[in-house]
Amino acid sequence: EHALKPTAQLITSLPHRVQRCTFYYATSSTTIMTTTNLPDFEHTLAMAQGNLEAPELAECHGLVCGLLCRSPDASLDEFISLLDMLELVHTPGAGLKMAFEELLNASKAQLSDEDLGFSLWLPDDEEILEERTMALSQWCNGFLAGIGSSGDESLEALSEEANEALIDLQHISTADVYDTDESEEDEIAFVEIVEYIR
């Protein structure tokens, strides 16, 4: 694992192509416009009744996004089966299952949005930066698990650029961020990494 100090150091530890991209996003004025909203993160976390922590819930979104990138018509049953296989959620209650169905459908819509109206399902900005950063790391972990869940050789057909992107996500997913001091520099770095992943 990569043991990193403040969040800002995560950017400097990434390959130069990522640093260039995060700089572009940080200096652009692009606003994310979404026509289909994801379920409320905190409300869904409450419905999990302590069986999921915030980073694990973010991992669930990464998982469904990876699954949909591999299989755009994936069903709710496939998603729940993956959650069970990864021991994230075994038997979701009615309310949580409904939230996961909403998450699946909203993610499908966002991923197919030509205007890039896609957002990551993460804790609210009011939460401490360390928790949001760990959730981001887990999101990447879930995405990699979802896109690689077919067990076949389909990933071998990916372009060089796509493979580099997966390597970057793997790098972020293994980052262990600690000693985050909630500085403005760390907040900016967090936003840059989120935008790069998006």
N, C-alpha and C. Protein backbone atom coordinates (compact mmCIF):
# COMPACT_ATOMS: atom_id res chain seq x y z
N GLU A 1 0.83 -1.19 0.00
CA GLU A 1 0.00 0.00 0.00
C GLU A 1 0.87 1.24 0.00
N HIS A 2 0.31 2.31 -0.55
CA HIS A 2 1.01 3.58 -0.56
C HIS A 2 0.59 4.36 0.68
N ALA A 3 1.47 4.56 1.62
CA ALA A 3 1.15 5.33 2.82
C ALA A 3 1.45 6.78 2.54
N LEU A 4 0.41 7.57 2.41
CA LEU A 4 0.58 8.96 2.05
C LEU A 4 0.19 9.85 3.21
N LYS A 5 0.85 11.00 3.30
CA LYS A 5 0.54 11.94 4.37
C LYS A 5 -0.68 12.77 3.96
N PRO A 6 -0.62 14.09 3.94
CA PRO A 6 -1.82 14.83 3.59
C PRO A 6 -2.34 14.49 2.20
N THR A 7 -3.63 14.75 1.99
CA THR A 7 -4.28 14.42 0.72
C THR A 7 -3.56 15.02 -0.46
N ALA A 8 -3.04 16.22 -0.32
CA ALA A 8 -2.36 16.89 -1.43
C ALA A 8 -1.21 16.06 -1.96
N GLN A 9 -0.59 15.24 -1.11
CA GLN A 9 0.55 14.44 -1.55
C GLN A 9 0.12 13.31 -2.47
N LEU A 10 -1.18 12.99 -2.46
CA LEU A 10 -1.66 11.94 -3.35
C LEU A 10 -1.46 12.35 -4.81
N ILE A 11 -1.68 13.61 -5.12
CA ILE A 11 -1.50 14.08 -6.50
C ILE A 11 -0.05 13.98 -6.92
N THR A 12 0.87 14.41 -6.07
CA THR A 12 2.28 14.39 -6.44
C THR A 12 2.82 12.98 -6.57
N SER A 13 2.12 12.00 -5.98
CA SER A 13 2.56 10.61 -6.07
C SER A 13 2.02 9.92 -7.31
N LEU A 14 1.06 10.56 -7.99
CA LEU A 14 0.46 9.95 -9.17
C LEU A 14 1.33 10.20 -10.39
N PRO A 15 1.12 9.40 -11.44
CA PRO A 15 1.90 9.61 -12.67
C PRO A 15 1.70 11.02 -13.21
N HIS A 16 2.66 11.49 -14.01
CA HIS A 16 2.62 12.86 -14.52
C HIS A 16 1.37 13.12 -15.36
N ARG A 17 0.87 12.10 -16.06
CA ARG A 17 -0.32 12.32 -16.89
C ARG A 17 -1.51 12.69 -16.03
N VAL A 18 -1.57 12.13 -14.81
CA VAL A 18 -2.68 12.45 -13.91
C VAL A 18 -2.52 13.85 -13.37
N GLN A 19 -1.29 14.22 -13.02
CA GLN A 19 -1.04 15.56 -12.50
C GLN A 19 -1.42 16.61 -13.52
N ARG A 20 -1.11 16.37 -14.79
CA ARG A 20 -1.48 17.33 -15.83
C ARG A 20 -2.99 17.44 -15.95
N CYS A 21 -3.67 16.31 -15.85
CA CYS A 21 -5.12 16.31 -15.99
C CYS A 21 -5.79 17.02 -14.81
N THR A 22 -5.31 16.76 -13.60
CA THR A 22 -5.92 17.40 -12.44
C THR A 22 -5.66 18.90 -12.47
N PHE A 23 -4.53 19.31 -13.02
CA PHE A 23 -4.27 20.75 -13.15
C PHE A 23 -5.26 21.38 -14.12
N TYR A 24 -5.56 20.67 -15.18
CA TYR A 24 -6.52 21.20 -16.15
C TYR A 24 -7.89 21.38 -15.50
N TYR A 25 -8.33 20.36 -14.77
CA TYR A 25 -9.64 20.45 -14.14
C TYR A 25 -9.67 21.55 -13.08
N ALA A 26 -8.58 21.70 -12.37
CA ALA A 26 -8.55 22.70 -11.30
C ALA A 26 -8.63 24.12 -11.86
N THR A 27 -8.13 24.31 -13.09
CA THR A 27 -8.10 25.66 -13.65
C THR A 27 -9.25 25.91 -14.62
N SER A 28 -10.11 24.89 -14.83
CA SER A 28 -11.24 25.08 -15.72
C SER A 28 -12.45 25.52 -14.92
N SER A 29 -13.47 26.00 -15.63
CA SER A 29 -14.68 26.47 -14.96
C SER A 29 -15.85 25.55 -15.24
N THR A 30 -15.57 24.30 -15.61
CA THR A 30 -16.61 23.36 -15.95
C THR A 30 -17.46 23.05 -14.73
N THR A 31 -18.77 23.08 -14.92
CA THR A 31 -19.70 22.76 -13.85
C THR A 31 -20.39 21.45 -14.19
N ILE A 32 -20.45 20.54 -13.22
CA ILE A 32 -21.09 19.26 -13.43
C ILE A 32 -22.61 19.45 -13.43
N MET A 33 -23.26 19.09 -14.53
CA MET A 33 -24.70 19.18 -14.62
C MET A 33 -25.26 17.77 -14.71
N THR A 34 -26.10 17.40 -13.77
CA THR A 34 -26.68 16.07 -13.80
C THR A 34 -28.19 16.18 -13.91
N THR A 35 -28.75 15.38 -14.81
CA THR A 35 -30.20 15.35 -14.98
C THR A 35 -30.81 14.25 -14.13
N THR A 36 -30.03 13.28 -13.71
CA THR A 36 -30.52 12.18 -12.89
C THR A 36 -29.69 12.13 -11.62
N ASN A 37 -30.31 12.40 -10.51
CA ASN A 37 -29.58 12.44 -9.24
C ASN A 37 -29.44 11.04 -8.63
N LEU A 38 -28.32 10.84 -7.97
CA LEU A 38 -28.11 9.62 -7.21
C LEU A 38 -28.91 9.70 -5.90
N PRO A 39 -29.17 8.58 -5.26
CA PRO A 39 -29.88 8.62 -3.97
C PRO A 39 -29.09 9.44 -2.95
N ASP A 40 -29.76 9.94 -1.95
CA ASP A 40 -29.09 10.69 -0.89
C ASP A 40 -28.13 9.78 -0.14
N PHE A 41 -26.87 10.17 -0.09
CA PHE A 41 -25.83 9.31 0.49
C PHE A 41 -26.07 9.07 1.98
N GLU A 42 -26.27 10.14 2.73
CA GLU A 42 -26.41 10.01 4.18
C GLU A 42 -27.67 9.24 4.56
N HIS A 43 -28.75 9.45 3.81
CA HIS A 43 -30.00 8.73 4.09
C HIS A 43 -29.82 7.23 3.83
N THR A 44 -29.14 6.90 2.74
CA THR A 44 -28.89 5.50 2.43
C THR A 44 -27.98 4.87 3.48
N LEU A 45 -27.01 5.63 3.95
CA LEU A 45 -26.11 5.13 5.00
C LEU A 45 -26.91 4.82 6.26
N ALA A 46 -27.87 5.66 6.57
CA ALA A 46 -28.72 5.42 7.75
C ALA A 46 -29.56 4.16 7.57
N MET A 47 -30.03 3.92 6.35
CA MET A 47 -30.83 2.72 6.09
C MET A 47 -30.02 1.44 6.23
N ALA A 48 -28.69 1.55 6.08
CA ALA A 48 -27.84 0.38 6.24
C ALA A 48 -27.75 -0.06 7.70
N GLN A 49 -28.21 0.80 8.62
CA GLN A 49 -28.31 0.48 10.05
C GLN A 49 -27.00 -0.03 10.64
N GLY A 50 -25.91 0.64 10.27
CA GLY A 50 -24.62 0.30 10.85
C GLY A 50 -23.90 -0.85 10.18
N ASN A 51 -24.53 -1.47 9.18
CA ASN A 51 -23.89 -2.59 8.48
C ASN A 51 -22.92 -2.14 7.40
N LEU A 52 -22.97 -0.86 7.06
CA LEU A 52 -22.05 -0.29 6.08
C LEU A 52 -21.50 1.02 6.62
N GLU A 53 -20.19 1.22 6.47
CA GLU A 53 -19.59 2.51 6.78
C GLU A 53 -19.57 3.34 5.50
N ALA A 54 -19.33 4.64 5.64
CA ALA A 54 -19.35 5.53 4.47
C ALA A 54 -18.41 5.08 3.35
N PRO A 55 -17.16 4.68 3.64
CA PRO A 55 -16.29 4.23 2.55
C PRO A 55 -16.84 3.00 1.83
N GLU A 56 -17.50 2.11 2.57
CA GLU A 56 -18.06 0.91 1.94
C GLU A 56 -19.25 1.26 1.06
N LEU A 57 -20.04 2.24 1.49
CA LEU A 57 -21.17 2.65 0.66
C LEU A 57 -20.68 3.28 -0.63
N ALA A 58 -19.62 4.08 -0.54
CA ALA A 58 -19.02 4.64 -1.75
C ALA A 58 -18.50 3.52 -2.65
N GLU A 59 -17.96 2.47 -2.05
CA GLU A 59 -17.47 1.33 -2.82
C GLU A 59 -18.60 0.66 -3.60
N CYS A 60 -19.80 0.67 -3.02
CA CYS A 60 -20.96 0.09 -3.71
C CYS A 60 -21.23 0.83 -5.02
N HIS A 61 -21.08 2.17 -5.00
CA HIS A 61 -21.28 2.93 -6.23
C HIS A 61 -20.17 2.65 -7.24
N GLY A 62 -18.94 2.60 -6.76
CA GLY A 62 -17.85 2.25 -7.67
C GLY A 62 -18.09 0.89 -8.31
N LEU A 63 -18.59 -0.04 -7.50
CA LEU A 63 -18.86 -1.40 -7.98
C LEU A 63 -19.90 -1.39 -9.09
N VAL A 64 -21.00 -0.68 -8.88
CA VAL A 64 -22.06 -0.69 -9.90
C VAL A 64 -21.60 0.04 -11.16
N CYS A 65 -20.78 1.08 -11.01
CA CYS A 65 -20.26 1.79 -12.19
C CYS A 65 -19.33 0.89 -12.99
N GLY A 66 -18.46 0.16 -12.31
CA GLY A 66 -17.59 -0.78 -13.00
C GLY A 66 -18.38 -1.88 -13.69
N LEU A 67 -19.41 -2.37 -13.01
CA LEU A 67 -20.27 -3.40 -13.59
C LEU A 67 -20.96 -2.88 -14.85
N LEU A 68 -21.47 -1.64 -14.79
CA LEU A 68 -22.18 -1.08 -15.94
C LEU A 68 -21.24 -0.76 -17.10
N CYS A 69 -20.00 -0.41 -16.80
CA CYS A 69 -19.03 -0.19 -17.88
C CYS A 69 -18.74 -1.50 -18.61
N ARG A 70 -18.79 -2.59 -17.89
CA ARG A 70 -18.56 -3.91 -18.50
C ARG A 70 -19.83 -4.46 -19.14
N SER A 71 -20.97 -4.21 -18.47
CA SER A 71 -22.24 -4.76 -18.93
C SER A 71 -23.32 -3.69 -18.76
N PRO A 72 -23.54 -2.82 -19.74
CA PRO A 72 -24.45 -1.69 -19.60
C PRO A 72 -25.89 -2.06 -19.23
N ASP A 73 -26.30 -3.28 -19.51
CA ASP A 73 -27.67 -3.71 -19.21
C ASP A 73 -27.74 -4.56 -17.94
N ALA A 74 -26.74 -4.44 -17.08
CA ALA A 74 -26.70 -5.25 -15.85
C ALA A 74 -27.96 -5.01 -15.02
N SER A 75 -28.44 -6.07 -14.39
CA SER A 75 -29.68 -6.01 -13.61
C SER A 75 -29.38 -5.77 -12.13
N LEU A 76 -30.45 -5.46 -11.40
CA LEU A 76 -30.33 -5.29 -9.96
C LEU A 76 -29.84 -6.57 -9.30
N ASP A 77 -30.33 -7.70 -9.78
CA ASP A 77 -29.91 -9.00 -9.20
C ASP A 77 -28.41 -9.21 -9.38
N GLU A 78 -27.88 -8.83 -10.53
CA GLU A 78 -26.44 -8.96 -10.76
C GLU A 78 -25.66 -8.07 -9.80
N PHE A 79 -26.15 -6.85 -9.60
CA PHE A 79 -25.50 -5.91 -8.69
C PHE A 79 -25.52 -6.45 -7.27
N ILE A 80 -26.68 -6.93 -6.82
CA ILE A 80 -26.79 -7.44 -5.45
C ILE A 80 -25.93 -8.69 -5.27
N SER A 81 -25.86 -9.50 -6.32
CA SER A 81 -25.03 -10.70 -6.26
C SER A 81 -23.56 -10.34 -6.08
N LEU A 82 -23.11 -9.29 -6.76
CA LEU A 82 -21.73 -8.82 -6.61
C LEU A 82 -21.49 -8.28 -5.20
N LEU A 83 -22.46 -7.53 -4.69
CA LEU A 83 -22.35 -7.00 -3.33
C LEU A 83 -22.19 -8.14 -2.33
N ASP A 84 -22.92 -9.20 -2.55
CA ASP A 84 -22.85 -10.37 -1.66
C ASP A 84 -21.51 -11.08 -1.81
N MET A 85 -21.05 -11.24 -3.06
CA MET A 85 -19.79 -11.93 -3.31
C MET A 85 -18.61 -11.20 -2.66
N LEU A 86 -18.67 -9.87 -2.67
CA LEU A 86 -17.60 -9.07 -2.09
C LEU A 86 -17.81 -8.82 -0.60
N GLU A 87 -18.88 -9.42 -0.05
CA GLU A 87 -19.21 -9.31 1.37
C GLU A 87 -19.42 -7.87 1.82
N LEU A 88 -19.98 -7.07 0.92
CA LEU A 88 -20.35 -5.70 1.27
C LEU A 88 -21.76 -5.69 1.88
N VAL A 89 -22.68 -6.34 1.18
CA VAL A 89 -24.06 -6.46 1.65
C VAL A 89 -24.55 -7.86 1.31
N HIS A 90 -25.07 -8.56 2.30
CA HIS A 90 -25.53 -9.93 2.05
C HIS A 90 -27.01 -9.96 1.66
N THR A 91 -27.87 -9.51 2.53
CA THR A 91 -29.31 -9.50 2.22
C THR A 91 -29.86 -8.13 2.59
N PRO A 92 -29.88 -7.20 1.63
CA PRO A 92 -30.36 -5.86 1.95
C PRO A 92 -31.85 -5.85 2.28
N GLY A 93 -32.23 -5.02 3.24
CA GLY A 93 -33.64 -4.86 3.56
C GLY A 93 -34.36 -4.17 2.42
N ALA A 94 -35.69 -4.08 2.53
CA ALA A 94 -36.49 -3.52 1.44
C ALA A 94 -36.08 -2.09 1.10
N GLY A 95 -35.86 -1.26 2.12
CA GLY A 95 -35.50 0.13 1.88
C GLY A 95 -34.15 0.27 1.23
N LEU A 96 -33.16 -0.51 1.72
CA LEU A 96 -31.81 -0.44 1.16
C LEU A 96 -31.79 -1.00 -0.26
N LYS A 97 -32.56 -2.07 -0.49
CA LYS A 97 -32.63 -2.64 -1.83
C LYS A 97 -33.22 -1.64 -2.82
N MET A 98 -34.24 -0.90 -2.37
CA MET A 98 -34.83 0.12 -3.24
C MET A 98 -33.82 1.22 -3.55
N ALA A 99 -33.02 1.59 -2.54
CA ALA A 99 -31.98 2.60 -2.76
C ALA A 99 -30.94 2.10 -3.75
N PHE A 100 -30.58 0.82 -3.67
CA PHE A 100 -29.61 0.25 -4.60
C PHE A 100 -30.18 0.20 -6.02
N GLU A 101 -31.47 -0.06 -6.13
CA GLU A 101 -32.10 -0.04 -7.45
C GLU A 101 -32.08 1.36 -8.03
N GLU A 102 -32.36 2.35 -7.19
CA GLU A 102 -32.29 3.75 -7.63
C GLU A 102 -30.87 4.11 -8.02
N LEU A 103 -29.90 3.61 -7.25
CA LEU A 103 -28.49 3.87 -7.56
C LEU A 103 -28.10 3.27 -8.90
N LEU A 104 -28.55 2.05 -9.16
CA LEU A 104 -28.27 1.37 -10.42
C LEU A 104 -28.85 2.16 -11.60
N ASN A 105 -30.10 2.54 -11.49
CA ASN A 105 -30.76 3.23 -12.60
C ASN A 105 -30.18 4.62 -12.83
N ALA A 106 -29.90 5.34 -11.74
CA ALA A 106 -29.33 6.68 -11.87
C ALA A 106 -27.92 6.60 -12.46
N SER A 107 -27.16 5.59 -12.05
CA SER A 107 -25.80 5.42 -12.58
C SER A 107 -25.83 5.10 -14.06
N LYS A 108 -26.78 4.27 -14.49
CA LYS A 108 -26.93 3.97 -15.91
C LYS A 108 -27.17 5.26 -16.70
N ALA A 109 -28.08 6.09 -16.19
CA ALA A 109 -28.41 7.33 -16.88
C ALA A 109 -27.22 8.28 -16.92
N GLN A 110 -26.52 8.40 -15.81
CA GLN A 110 -25.39 9.33 -15.77
C GLN A 110 -24.24 8.86 -16.65
N LEU A 111 -23.98 7.58 -16.68
CA LEU A 111 -22.87 7.07 -17.48
C LEU A 111 -23.14 7.21 -18.98
N SER A 112 -24.41 7.27 -19.36
CA SER A 112 -24.76 7.42 -20.78
C SER A 112 -25.00 8.87 -21.17
N ASP A 113 -24.82 9.79 -20.23
CA ASP A 113 -25.05 11.21 -20.47
C ASP A 113 -23.92 11.78 -21.33
N GLU A 114 -24.26 12.26 -22.51
CA GLU A 114 -23.24 12.80 -23.42
C GLU A 114 -22.61 14.08 -22.90
N ASP A 115 -23.26 14.74 -21.96
CA ASP A 115 -22.72 15.97 -21.38
C ASP A 115 -21.89 15.71 -20.13
N LEU A 116 -21.52 14.44 -19.92
CA LEU A 116 -20.69 14.04 -18.78
C LEU A 116 -21.34 14.42 -17.44
N GLY A 117 -22.66 14.23 -17.39
CA GLY A 117 -23.36 14.52 -16.15
C GLY A 117 -23.24 13.37 -15.16
N PHE A 118 -22.01 13.06 -14.80
CA PHE A 118 -21.72 11.92 -13.92
C PHE A 118 -21.11 12.43 -12.64
N SER A 119 -21.56 11.90 -11.52
CA SER A 119 -20.99 12.29 -10.23
C SER A 119 -20.67 11.06 -9.39
N LEU A 120 -19.69 11.20 -8.53
CA LEU A 120 -19.31 10.11 -7.64
C LEU A 120 -20.16 10.17 -6.37
N TRP A 121 -20.56 9.03 -5.88
CA TRP A 121 -21.40 8.92 -4.68
C TRP A 121 -20.47 8.87 -3.47
N LEU A 122 -20.33 10.02 -2.82
CA LEU A 122 -19.37 10.16 -1.73
C LEU A 122 -20.04 10.88 -0.55
N PRO A 123 -19.44 10.82 0.64
CA PRO A 123 -19.99 11.56 1.78
C PRO A 123 -20.09 13.05 1.48
N ASP A 124 -21.00 13.72 2.17
CA ASP A 124 -21.20 15.15 1.99
C ASP A 124 -19.92 15.92 2.30
N ASP A 125 -19.82 17.11 1.70
CA ASP A 125 -18.64 17.95 1.89
C ASP A 125 -18.45 18.37 3.34
N GLU A 126 -19.52 18.28 4.15
CA GLU A 126 -19.42 18.66 5.56
C GLU A 126 -18.65 17.63 6.38
N GLU A 127 -18.53 16.42 5.84
CA GLU A 127 -17.79 15.37 6.55
C GLU A 127 -16.29 15.67 6.52
N ILE A 128 -15.56 15.12 7.48
CA ILE A 128 -14.13 15.39 7.54
C ILE A 128 -13.43 14.88 6.28
N LEU A 129 -12.37 15.55 5.91
CA LEU A 129 -11.67 15.24 4.66
C LEU A 129 -11.12 13.82 4.66
N GLU A 130 -10.63 13.36 5.79
CA GLU A 130 -10.07 12.00 5.84
C GLU A 130 -11.11 10.96 5.46
N GLU A 131 -12.34 11.12 5.97
CA GLU A 131 -13.39 10.15 5.64
C GLU A 131 -13.75 10.22 4.16
N ARG A 132 -13.82 11.43 3.62
CA ARG A 132 -14.15 11.58 2.20
C ARG A 132 -13.05 10.99 1.32
N THR A 133 -11.81 11.15 1.74
CA THR A 133 -10.69 10.63 0.96
C THR A 133 -10.66 9.11 0.99
N MET A 134 -10.93 8.53 2.15
CA MET A 134 -10.98 7.08 2.23
C MET A 134 -12.16 6.53 1.42
N ALA A 135 -13.27 7.26 1.42
CA ALA A 135 -14.42 6.84 0.61
C ALA A 135 -14.06 6.87 -0.87
N LEU A 136 -13.31 7.88 -1.27
CA LEU A 136 -12.86 7.99 -2.66
C LEU A 136 -11.97 6.81 -3.04
N SER A 137 -11.08 6.45 -2.13
CA SER A 137 -10.20 5.31 -2.36
C SER A 137 -11.02 4.02 -2.52
N GLN A 138 -12.03 3.86 -1.65
CA GLN A 138 -12.88 2.67 -1.73
C GLN A 138 -13.74 2.68 -2.98
N TRP A 139 -14.14 3.87 -3.44
CA TRP A 139 -14.91 3.95 -4.69
C TRP A 139 -14.08 3.34 -5.83
N CYS A 140 -12.83 3.72 -5.89
CA CYS A 140 -11.95 3.18 -6.94
C CYS A 140 -11.81 1.67 -6.81
N ASN A 141 -11.70 1.19 -5.59
CA ASN A 141 -11.59 -0.23 -5.35
C ASN A 141 -12.82 -0.97 -5.87
N GLY A 142 -14.00 -0.39 -5.59
CA GLY A 142 -15.24 -0.99 -6.07
C GLY A 142 -15.32 -0.99 -7.58
N PHE A 143 -14.92 0.11 -8.21
CA PHE A 143 -14.97 0.18 -9.67
C PHE A 143 -14.11 -0.91 -10.30
N LEU A 144 -12.92 -1.08 -9.78
CA LEU A 144 -12.02 -2.09 -10.32
C LEU A 144 -12.59 -3.49 -10.15
N ALA A 145 -13.24 -3.72 -9.01
CA ALA A 145 -13.87 -5.03 -8.77
C ALA A 145 -15.03 -5.25 -9.73
N GLY A 146 -15.80 -4.19 -9.98
CA GLY A 146 -16.95 -4.31 -10.87
C GLY A 146 -16.55 -4.55 -12.31
N ILE A 147 -15.58 -3.81 -12.79
CA ILE A 147 -15.19 -3.94 -14.19
C ILE A 147 -14.43 -5.24 -14.44
N GLY A 148 -13.84 -5.78 -13.40
CA GLY A 148 -13.09 -7.03 -13.56
C GLY A 148 -13.87 -8.26 -13.12
N SER A 149 -15.16 -8.09 -12.84
CA SER A 149 -15.94 -9.19 -12.26
C SER A 149 -16.36 -10.26 -13.25
N SER A 150 -16.14 -10.02 -14.55
CA SER A 150 -16.60 -11.00 -15.54
C SER A 150 -15.76 -12.27 -15.50
N GLY A 151 -14.49 -12.13 -15.09
CA GLY A 151 -13.64 -13.31 -15.02
C GLY A 151 -13.18 -13.78 -16.39
N ASP A 152 -13.48 -13.00 -17.45
CA ASP A 152 -13.04 -13.40 -18.79
C ASP A 152 -11.85 -12.54 -19.22
N GLU A 153 -11.55 -12.56 -20.51
CA GLU A 153 -10.39 -11.84 -21.02
C GLU A 153 -10.78 -10.54 -21.72
N SER A 154 -11.97 -10.02 -21.40
CA SER A 154 -12.47 -8.83 -22.10
C SER A 154 -11.59 -7.60 -21.85
N LEU A 155 -10.97 -7.52 -20.66
CA LEU A 155 -10.15 -6.35 -20.36
C LEU A 155 -8.90 -6.30 -21.22
N GLU A 156 -8.50 -7.43 -21.78
CA GLU A 156 -7.31 -7.46 -22.61
C GLU A 156 -7.50 -6.66 -23.91
N ALA A 157 -8.77 -6.42 -24.26
CA ALA A 157 -9.06 -5.70 -25.50
C ALA A 157 -9.09 -4.19 -25.30
N LEU A 158 -8.87 -3.73 -24.08
CA LEU A 158 -8.91 -2.30 -23.81
C LEU A 158 -7.73 -1.58 -24.46
N SER A 159 -7.95 -0.31 -24.77
CA SER A 159 -6.89 0.50 -25.36
C SER A 159 -5.80 0.79 -24.33
N GLU A 160 -4.68 1.27 -24.80
CA GLU A 160 -3.58 1.63 -23.90
C GLU A 160 -4.02 2.73 -22.93
N GLU A 161 -4.77 3.70 -23.45
CA GLU A 161 -5.25 4.78 -22.61
C GLU A 161 -6.18 4.27 -21.52
N ALA A 162 -7.06 3.34 -21.86
CA ALA A 162 -7.99 2.78 -20.89
C ALA A 162 -7.24 1.99 -19.82
N ASN A 163 -6.24 1.26 -20.23
CA ASN A 163 -5.45 0.49 -19.27
C ASN A 163 -4.68 1.41 -18.33
N GLU A 164 -4.18 2.53 -18.86
CA GLU A 164 -3.49 3.50 -18.00
C GLU A 164 -4.46 4.08 -16.97
N ALA A 165 -5.69 4.32 -17.39
CA ALA A 165 -6.69 4.86 -16.46
C ALA A 165 -6.97 3.86 -15.34
N LEU A 166 -7.06 2.58 -15.68
CA LEU A 166 -7.29 1.56 -14.66
C LEU A 166 -6.12 1.47 -13.69
N ILE A 167 -4.92 1.62 -14.21
CA ILE A 167 -3.73 1.61 -13.35
C ILE A 167 -3.78 2.79 -12.37
N ASP A 168 -4.20 3.95 -12.87
CA ASP A 168 -4.32 5.13 -12.01
C ASP A 168 -5.34 4.89 -10.90
N LEU A 169 -6.48 4.30 -11.26
CA LEU A 169 -7.50 4.00 -10.26
C LEU A 169 -6.99 3.00 -9.23
N GLN A 170 -6.22 2.04 -9.69
CA GLN A 170 -5.65 1.07 -8.76
C GLN A 170 -4.69 1.76 -7.79
N HIS A 171 -3.94 2.71 -8.29
CA HIS A 171 -3.01 3.45 -7.46
C HIS A 171 -3.76 4.21 -6.36
N ILE A 172 -4.84 4.87 -6.76
CA ILE A 172 -5.64 5.63 -5.79
C ILE A 172 -6.33 4.69 -4.81
N SER A 173 -6.78 3.54 -5.29
CA SER A 173 -7.51 2.62 -4.43
C SER A 173 -6.65 2.04 -3.31
N THR A 174 -5.34 2.01 -3.50
CA THR A 174 -4.46 1.44 -2.48
C THR A 174 -3.83 2.50 -1.59
N ALA A 175 -4.22 3.75 -1.80
CA ALA A 175 -3.65 4.83 -1.00
C ALA A 175 -4.23 4.82 0.42
N ASP A 176 -3.37 4.93 1.39
CA ASP A 176 -3.77 5.01 2.79
C ASP A 176 -3.44 6.42 3.27
N VAL A 177 -4.44 7.29 3.30
CA VAL A 177 -4.21 8.69 3.64
C VAL A 177 -4.36 8.89 5.14
N TYR A 178 -3.39 9.54 5.73
CA TYR A 178 -3.45 9.83 7.16
C TYR A 178 -2.87 11.22 7.41
N ASP A 179 -3.02 11.69 8.63
CA ASP A 179 -2.48 13.00 9.01
C ASP A 179 -3.03 14.12 8.13
N THR A 180 -4.32 14.00 7.77
CA THR A 180 -4.96 15.04 6.97
C THR A 180 -5.32 16.20 7.88
N ASP A 181 -4.88 17.39 7.55
CA ASP A 181 -5.07 18.53 8.45
C ASP A 181 -6.19 19.47 8.01
N GLU A 182 -7.03 19.02 7.06
CA GLU A 182 -8.18 19.82 6.62
C GLU A 182 -7.75 21.17 6.05
N SER A 183 -6.55 21.23 5.49
CA SER A 183 -6.07 22.50 4.94
C SER A 183 -6.74 22.77 3.59
N GLU A 184 -6.66 24.02 3.16
CA GLU A 184 -7.22 24.39 1.86
C GLU A 184 -6.51 23.63 0.74
N GLU A 185 -5.21 23.42 0.91
CA GLU A 185 -4.44 22.68 -0.10
C GLU A 185 -4.97 21.27 -0.25
N ASP A 186 -5.27 20.62 0.88
CA ASP A 186 -5.79 19.26 0.83
C ASP A 186 -7.18 19.22 0.22
N GLU A 187 -8.01 20.21 0.54
CA GLU A 187 -9.35 20.26 -0.03
C GLU A 187 -9.28 20.41 -1.55
N ILE A 188 -8.39 21.27 -2.02
CA ILE A 188 -8.24 21.48 -3.46
C ILE A 188 -7.75 20.19 -4.12
N ALA A 189 -6.80 19.52 -3.47
CA ALA A 189 -6.28 18.27 -4.01
C ALA A 189 -7.37 17.22 -4.11
N PHE A 190 -8.22 17.16 -3.10
CA PHE A 190 -9.31 16.19 -3.10
C PHE A 190 -10.25 16.45 -4.29
N VAL A 191 -10.62 17.70 -4.48
CA VAL A 191 -11.52 18.06 -5.59
C VAL A 191 -10.88 17.70 -6.93
N GLU A 192 -9.59 17.93 -7.07
CA GLU A 192 -8.89 17.64 -8.32
C GLU A 192 -8.91 16.13 -8.61
N ILE A 193 -8.70 15.32 -7.59
CA ILE A 193 -8.67 13.88 -7.79
C ILE A 193 -10.06 13.36 -8.13
N VAL A 194 -11.07 13.88 -7.44
CA VAL A 194 -12.46 13.49 -7.75
C VAL A 194 -12.78 13.82 -9.21
N GLU A 195 -12.37 14.99 -9.66
CA GLU A 195 -12.68 15.41 -11.02
C GLU A 195 -11.91 14.57 -12.02
N TYR A 196 -10.70 14.20 -11.70
CA TYR A 196 -9.94 13.35 -12.61
C TYR A 196 -10.63 12.00 -12.76
N ILE A 197 -11.06 11.41 -11.65
CA ILE A 197 -11.74 10.12 -11.70
C ILE A 197 -13.03 10.22 -12.50
N ARG A 198 -13.75 11.30 -12.28
CA ARG A 198 -15.02 11.48 -13.00
C ARG A 198 -14.80 11.53 -14.51
